[in-house]
C-alpha atoms as a PDB file:
ATOM      1  CA  MET A   1     100.695  98.207 112.098  1.00  0.00           C
ATOM      2  CA  ALA A   2     100.902  94.265 112.490  1.00  0.00           C
ATOM      3  CA  GLU A   3      97.906  92.071 111.777  1.00  0.00           C
ATOM      4  CA  THR A   4      95.736  91.608 114.237  1.00  0.00           C
ATOM      5  CA  LYS A   5      93.347  88.566 115.014  1.00  0.00           C
ATOM      6  CA  TRP A   6      90.169  87.905 116.651  1.00  0.00           C
ATOM      7  CA  TYR A   7      90.920  86.168 120.567  1.00  0.00           C
ATOM      8  CA  VAL A   8      88.351  84.756 122.852  1.00  0.00           C
ATOM      9  CA  VAL A   9      88.612  86.038 126.459  1.00  0.00           C
ATOM     10  CA  HIS A  10      86.968  83.647 129.496  1.00  0.00           C
ATOM     11  CA  THR A  11      85.578  85.953 131.862  1.00  0.00           C
ATOM     12  CA  TYR A  12      83.385  85.587 135.221  1.00  0.00           C
ATOM     13  CA  SER A  13      79.892  84.818 134.229  1.00  0.00           C
ATOM     14  CA  GLY A  14      77.875  87.757 134.145  1.00  0.00           C
ATOM     15  CA  TYR A  15      80.789  90.128 133.730  1.00  0.00           C
ATOM     16  CA  GLU A  16      81.024  89.817 129.872  1.00  0.00           C
ATOM     17  CA  ASN A  17      79.885  93.752 129.356  1.00  0.00           C
ATOM     18  CA  LYS A  18      81.812  94.878 132.364  1.00  0.00           C
ATOM     19  CA  VAL A  19      84.991  93.475 130.967  1.00  0.00           C
ATOM     20  CA  LYS A  20      84.126  94.998 127.386  1.00  0.00           C
ATOM     21  CA  ALA A  21      83.850  98.254 129.140  1.00  0.00           C
ATOM     22  CA  ASP A  22      86.861  98.096 130.986  1.00  0.00           C
ATOM     23  CA  ILE A  23      89.107  97.277 128.136  1.00  0.00           C
ATOM     24  CA  GLU A  24      87.811  99.874 125.965  1.00  0.00           C
ATOM     25  CA  LYS A  25      88.153 102.345 128.989  1.00  0.00           C
ATOM     26  CA  THR A  26      91.800 101.239 129.207  1.00  0.00           C
ATOM     27  CA  ILE A  27      92.107 102.075 125.066  1.00  0.00           C
ATOM     28  CA  GLU A  28      90.626 105.007 125.635  1.00  0.00           C
ATOM     29  CA  ASN A  29      93.019 106.199 128.279  1.00  0.00           C
ATOM     30  CA  ASN A  30      96.584 104.800 126.611  1.00  0.00           C
ATOM     31  CA  LYS A  31      96.048 105.792 122.814  1.00  0.00           C
ATOM     32  CA  ALA A  32      99.316 103.521 122.064  1.00  0.00           C
ATOM     33  CA  LEU A  33      96.942 100.379 123.102  1.00  0.00           C
ATOM     34  CA  ALA A  34      94.334 101.875 119.998  1.00  0.00           C
ATOM     35  CA  GLU A  35      96.216 100.646 117.436  1.00  0.00           C
ATOM     36  CA  GLN A  36      96.600  97.321 119.267  1.00  0.00           C
ATOM     37  CA  ILE A  37      93.405  96.346 120.402  1.00  0.00           C
ATOM     38  CA  LEU A  38      90.916  97.674 117.847  1.00  0.00           C
ATOM     39  CA  GLU A  39      87.427  96.189 119.006  1.00  0.00           C
ATOM     40  CA  VAL A  40      85.838  94.393 121.589  1.00  0.00           C
ATOM     41  CA  ARG A  41      82.835  92.336 121.557  1.00  0.00           C
ATOM     42  CA  VAL A  42      80.068  90.481 123.553  1.00  0.00           C
ATOM     43  CA  PRO A  43      77.952  88.672 120.440  1.00  0.00           C
ATOM     44  CA  VAL A  44      74.296  88.643 121.106  1.00  0.00           C
ATOM     45  CA  GLU A  45      71.401  87.111 119.380  1.00  0.00           C
ATOM     46  CA  ASP A  46      67.662  88.668 119.375  1.00  0.00           C
ATOM     47  CA  VAL A  47      65.423  86.024 120.993  1.00  0.00           C
ATOM     48  CA  VAL A  48      61.344  86.531 121.355  1.00  0.00           C
ATOM     49  CA  GLU A  49      60.444  85.596 124.796  1.00  0.00           C
ATOM     50  CA  ILE A  50      56.858  84.781 125.868  1.00  0.00           C
ATOM     51  CA  LYS A  51      55.535  85.394 129.464  1.00  0.00           C
ATOM     52  CA  ASN A  52      52.039  85.336 130.570  1.00  0.00           C
ATOM     53  CA  GLY A  53      51.083  86.222 127.321  1.00  0.00           C
ATOM     54  CA  ASN A  54      53.266  89.048 126.245  1.00  0.00           C
ATOM     55  CA  LYS A  55      55.567  88.939 123.407  1.00  0.00           C
ATOM     56  CA  ARG A  56      59.097  90.645 123.719  1.00  0.00           C
ATOM     57  CA  THR A  57      62.243  90.621 122.160  1.00  0.00           C
ATOM     58  CA  VAL A  58      65.263  90.504 124.300  1.00  0.00           C
ATOM     59  CA  GLN A  59      69.093  89.909 123.509  1.00  0.00           C
ATOM     60  CA  ARG A  60      70.932  87.205 124.836  1.00  0.00           C
ATOM     61  CA  LYS A  61      74.703  86.506 124.838  1.00  0.00           C
ATOM     62  CA  LEU A  62      75.515  83.808 122.465  1.00  0.00           C
ATOM     63  CA  PHE A  63      78.594  82.507 124.380  1.00  0.00           C
ATOM     64  CA  PRO A  64      78.112  83.551 128.253  1.00  0.00           C
ATOM     65  CA  GLY A  65      81.502  83.827 129.797  1.00  0.00           C
ATOM     66  CA  TYR A  66      83.452  85.104 126.765  1.00  0.00           C
ATOM     67  CA  VAL A  67      84.427  88.030 124.988  1.00  0.00           C
ATOM     68  CA  LEU A  68      85.878  88.398 121.700  1.00  0.00           C
ATOM     69  CA  VAL A  69      89.004  90.950 121.262  1.00  0.00           C
ATOM     70  CA  ASN A  70      90.545  91.809 117.860  1.00  0.00           C
ATOM     71  CA  MET A  71      93.960  92.744 118.752  1.00  0.00           C
ATOM     72  CA  ASP A  72      97.487  92.622 117.721  1.00  0.00           C
ATOM     73  CA  MET A  73      98.754  89.669 120.761  1.00  0.00           C
ATOM     74  CA  ASN A  74     101.854  91.035 121.926  1.00  0.00           C
ATOM     75  CA  ASP A  75     103.178  91.293 125.540  1.00  0.00           C
ATOM     76  CA  GLU A  76     101.691  94.633 126.073  1.00  0.00           C
ATOM     77  CA  THR A  77      97.991  93.625 124.647  1.00  0.00           C
ATOM     78  CA  TRP A  78      98.157  90.473 126.508  1.00  0.00           C
ATOM     79  CA  TYR A  79      99.058  91.729 130.133  1.00  0.00           C
ATOM     80  CA  VAL A  80      95.978  94.544 129.823  1.00  0.00           C
ATOM     81  CA  VAL A  81      93.361  91.876 128.481  1.00  0.00           C
ATOM     82  CA  ARG A  82      94.721  89.397 131.266  1.00  0.00           C
ATOM     83  CA  ASN A  83      94.607  91.630 133.974  1.00  0.00           C
ATOM     84  CA  THR A  84      91.276  93.019 133.328  1.00  0.00           C
ATOM     85  CA  ARG A  85      89.005  92.851 136.343  1.00  0.00           C
ATOM     86  CA  GLY A  86      86.447  89.731 135.459  1.00  0.00           C
ATOM     87  CA  VAL A  87      88.936  87.982 133.050  1.00  0.00           C
ATOM     88  CA  THR A  88      90.012  84.638 133.631  1.00  0.00           C
ATOM     89  CA  GLY A  89      92.348  83.961 130.568  1.00  0.00           C
ATOM     90  CA  PHE A  90      92.195  83.574 127.010  1.00  0.00           C
ATOM     91  CA  VAL A  91      91.008  80.632 125.369  1.00  0.00           C
ATOM     92  CA  GLY A  92      93.632  78.066 124.118  1.00  0.00           C
ATOM     93  CA  PRO A  93      95.910  75.387 125.591  1.00  0.00           C
ATOM     94  CA  GLY A  94      97.603  76.737 128.699  1.00  0.00           C
ATOM     95  CA  SER A  95      98.374  80.409 128.514  1.00  0.00           C
ATOM     96  CA  LYS A  96      98.840  80.689 124.576  1.00  0.00           C
ATOM     97  CA  ALA A  97      95.906  82.515 123.211  1.00  0.00           C
ATOM     98  CA  VAL A  98      94.922  80.873 120.193  1.00  0.00           C
ATOM     99  CA  PRO A  99      93.670  83.093 117.129  1.00  0.00           C
ATOM    100  CA  LEU A 100      90.132  82.453 115.773  1.00  0.00           C
ATOM    101  CA  THR A 101      89.948  81.365 112.129  1.00  0.00           C
ATOM    102  CA  ASP A 102      88.065  83.113 109.062  1.00  0.00           C
ATOM    103  CA  ALA A 103      85.794  80.006 109.207  1.00  0.00           C
ATOM    104  CA  GLU A 104      85.227  80.725 113.063  1.00  0.00           C
ATOM    105  CA  MET A 105      84.547  83.939 112.386  1.00  0.00           C
ATOM    106  CA  LYS A 106      81.767  83.750 109.812  1.00  0.00           C
ATOM    107  CA  PRO A 107      78.693  82.445 111.660  1.00  0.00           C
ATOM    108  CA  LEU A 108      79.366  85.262 113.917  1.00  0.00           C
ATOM    109  CA  GLY A 109      78.874  87.675 111.404  1.00  0.00           C
ATOM    110  CA  ILE A 110      81.832  89.488 111.977  1.00  0.00           C
ATOM    111  CA  ARG A 111      83.719  89.914 108.490  1.00  0.00           C
ATOM    112  CA  THR A 112      87.345  89.434 108.014  1.00  0.00           C
ATOM    113  CA  ASP A 113      87.846  90.097 104.462  1.00  0.00           C
ATOM    114  CA  SER A 114      89.730  93.108 103.275  1.00  0.00           C
ATOM    115  CA  VAL A 115      87.919  95.811 101.642  1.00  0.00           C
ATOM    116  CA  SER A 116      89.504  97.530  98.602  1.00  0.00           C
ATOM    117  CA  ILE A 117      88.350 101.634  98.497  1.00  0.00           C
ATOM    118  CA  ASP A 118      89.441 104.270  96.234  1.00  0.00           C
ATOM    119  CA  PHE A 119      90.628 106.881  98.366  1.00  0.00           C
ATOM    120  CA  ALA A 120      93.534 107.592 100.795  1.00  0.00           C
ATOM    121  CA  GLU A 121      93.789 109.966 103.580  1.00  0.00           C
ATOM    122  CA  GLY A 122      94.141 113.561 102.423  1.00  0.00           C
ATOM    123  CA  ASP A 123      91.621 112.932  99.689  1.00  0.00           C
ATOM    124  CA  SER A 124      88.423 114.827  99.659  1.00  0.00           C
ATOM    125  CA  ILE A 125      85.293 112.867  99.789  1.00  0.00           C
ATOM    126  CA  ALA A 126      81.465 113.353  99.691  1.00  0.00           C
ATOM    127  CA  VAL A 127      79.028 111.639 102.418  1.00  0.00           C
ATOM    128  CA  VAL A 128      76.139 109.873 100.445  1.00  0.00           C
ATOM    129  CA  ALA A 129      74.049 108.144 103.201  1.00  0.00           C
ATOM    130  CA  GLY A 130      73.407 108.764 106.951  1.00  0.00           C
ATOM    131  CA  VAL A 131      72.872 111.545 109.212  1.00  0.00           C
ATOM    132  CA  TRP A 132      75.932 113.489 107.347  1.00  0.00           C
ATOM    133  CA  LYS A 133      74.513 113.010 103.563  1.00  0.00           C
ATOM    134  CA  ASP A 134      75.643 115.442 101.409  1.00  0.00           C
ATOM    135  CA  THR A 135      78.627 116.624 103.641  1.00  0.00           C
ATOM    136  CA  VAL A 136      82.111 116.838 102.006  1.00  0.00           C
ATOM    137  CA  GLY A 137      85.434 116.318 103.944  1.00  0.00           C
ATOM    138  CA  VAL A 138      89.010 115.917 104.090  1.00  0.00           C
ATOM    139  CA  VAL A 139      89.698 112.073 104.928  1.00  0.00           C
ATOM    140  CA  ARG A 140      92.336 112.186 108.463  1.00  0.00           C
ATOM    141  CA  LYS A 141      91.899 108.141 109.043  1.00  0.00           C
ATOM    142  CA  ILE A 142      91.062 104.971 107.443  1.00  0.00           C
ATOM    143  CA  ASP A 143      90.331 101.785 109.878  1.00  0.00           C
ATOM    144  CA  TYR A 144      90.238  98.852 107.494  1.00  0.00           C
ATOM    145  CA  ASN A 145      89.181  96.866 110.436  1.00  0.00           C
ATOM    146  CA  LYS A 146      86.225  98.361 111.341  1.00  0.00           C
ATOM    147  CA  GLN A 147      85.301  99.431 107.775  1.00  0.00           C
ATOM    148  CA  THR A 148      85.264 103.244 108.623  1.00  0.00           C
ATOM    149  CA  VAL A 149      86.890 106.511 107.238  1.00  0.00           C
ATOM    150  CA  THR A 150      87.374 109.637 109.998  1.00  0.00           C
ATOM    151  CA  ILE A 151      86.799 113.172 108.113  1.00  0.00           C
ATOM    152  CA  LYS A 152      86.607 116.473 109.861  1.00  0.00           C
ATOM    153  CA  VAL A 153      83.665 118.249 109.484  1.00  0.00           C
ATOM    154  CA  GLU A 154      83.046 122.111 109.879  1.00  0.00           C
ATOM    155  CA  LEU A 155      79.865 122.165 112.350  1.00  0.00           C
ATOM    156  CA  PHE A 156      80.407 126.338 113.146  1.00  0.00           C
ATOM    157  CA  GLN A 157      82.679 129.029 111.905  1.00  0.00           C
ATOM    158  CA  GLY A 158      86.172 127.282 111.704  1.00  0.00           C
ATOM    159  CA  SER A 159      85.161 124.494 114.318  1.00  0.00           C
ATOM    160  CA  GLU A 160      85.935 121.263 112.957  1.00  0.00           C
ATOM    161  CA  THR A 161      84.697 117.964 114.190  1.00  0.00           C
ATOM    162  CA  PRO A 162      86.109 114.396 113.704  1.00  0.00           C
ATOM    163  CA  VAL A 163      83.027 112.260 112.379  1.00  0.00           C
ATOM    164  CA  GLU A 164      83.395 108.310 112.033  1.00  0.00           C
ATOM    165  CA  LEU A 165      81.715 107.132 108.725  1.00  0.00           C
ATOM    166  CA  SER A 166      81.219 103.876 107.538  1.00  0.00           C
ATOM    167  CA  PHE A 167      82.855 102.965 103.788  1.00  0.00           C
ATOM    168  CA  ALA A 168      79.514 102.642 102.419  1.00  0.00           C
ATOM    169  CA  GLU A 169      78.583 105.768 103.350  1.00  0.00           C
ATOM    170  CA  VAL A 170      81.262 107.692 101.571  1.00  0.00           C
ATOM    171  CA  ARG A 171      82.679 108.324  97.728  1.00  0.00           C
ATOM    172  CA  LYS A 172      85.472 110.340  96.526  1.00  0.00           C
ATOM    173  CA  LEU A 173      85.091 113.138  94.695  1.00  0.00           C
ATOM    174  CA  GLY A 174      86.440 114.157  91.204  1.00  0.00           C
END
């Protein structure tokens, strides 16, 4: 798999969540894209507002009019993102998209560092935290970018369901 990087996509103001949903829907409908476009984010922050003496926490977009996309830049992915309704283009000189650097990603709370794990696909692992705690499963897929592992869990007699867990929630058996 080619190396993915984070790119900034300019959108019409107010269309950020729609663009995110549309790109994710396109990925869902085209499995080949799932390996190339890994994540779409609209960075938000929690802000406390006081109106009429009432305090409430609301989410505010950090960059109105922009969406972050973690992807392998190639002709196909560029075309899919660029032609999503509400997208006006990639951020960069001319029509050339420029990826964000690790230093630019750090304040956004998005990790770009690699994580080493002691299990591989096919290994048996135990879930040590979360909803599936004390469940044992076999690793089916590892996603280093999202730092997740997918295991198959038996819910009913013979019925297996894939479950995605973070690296922190599992450990290798034996």
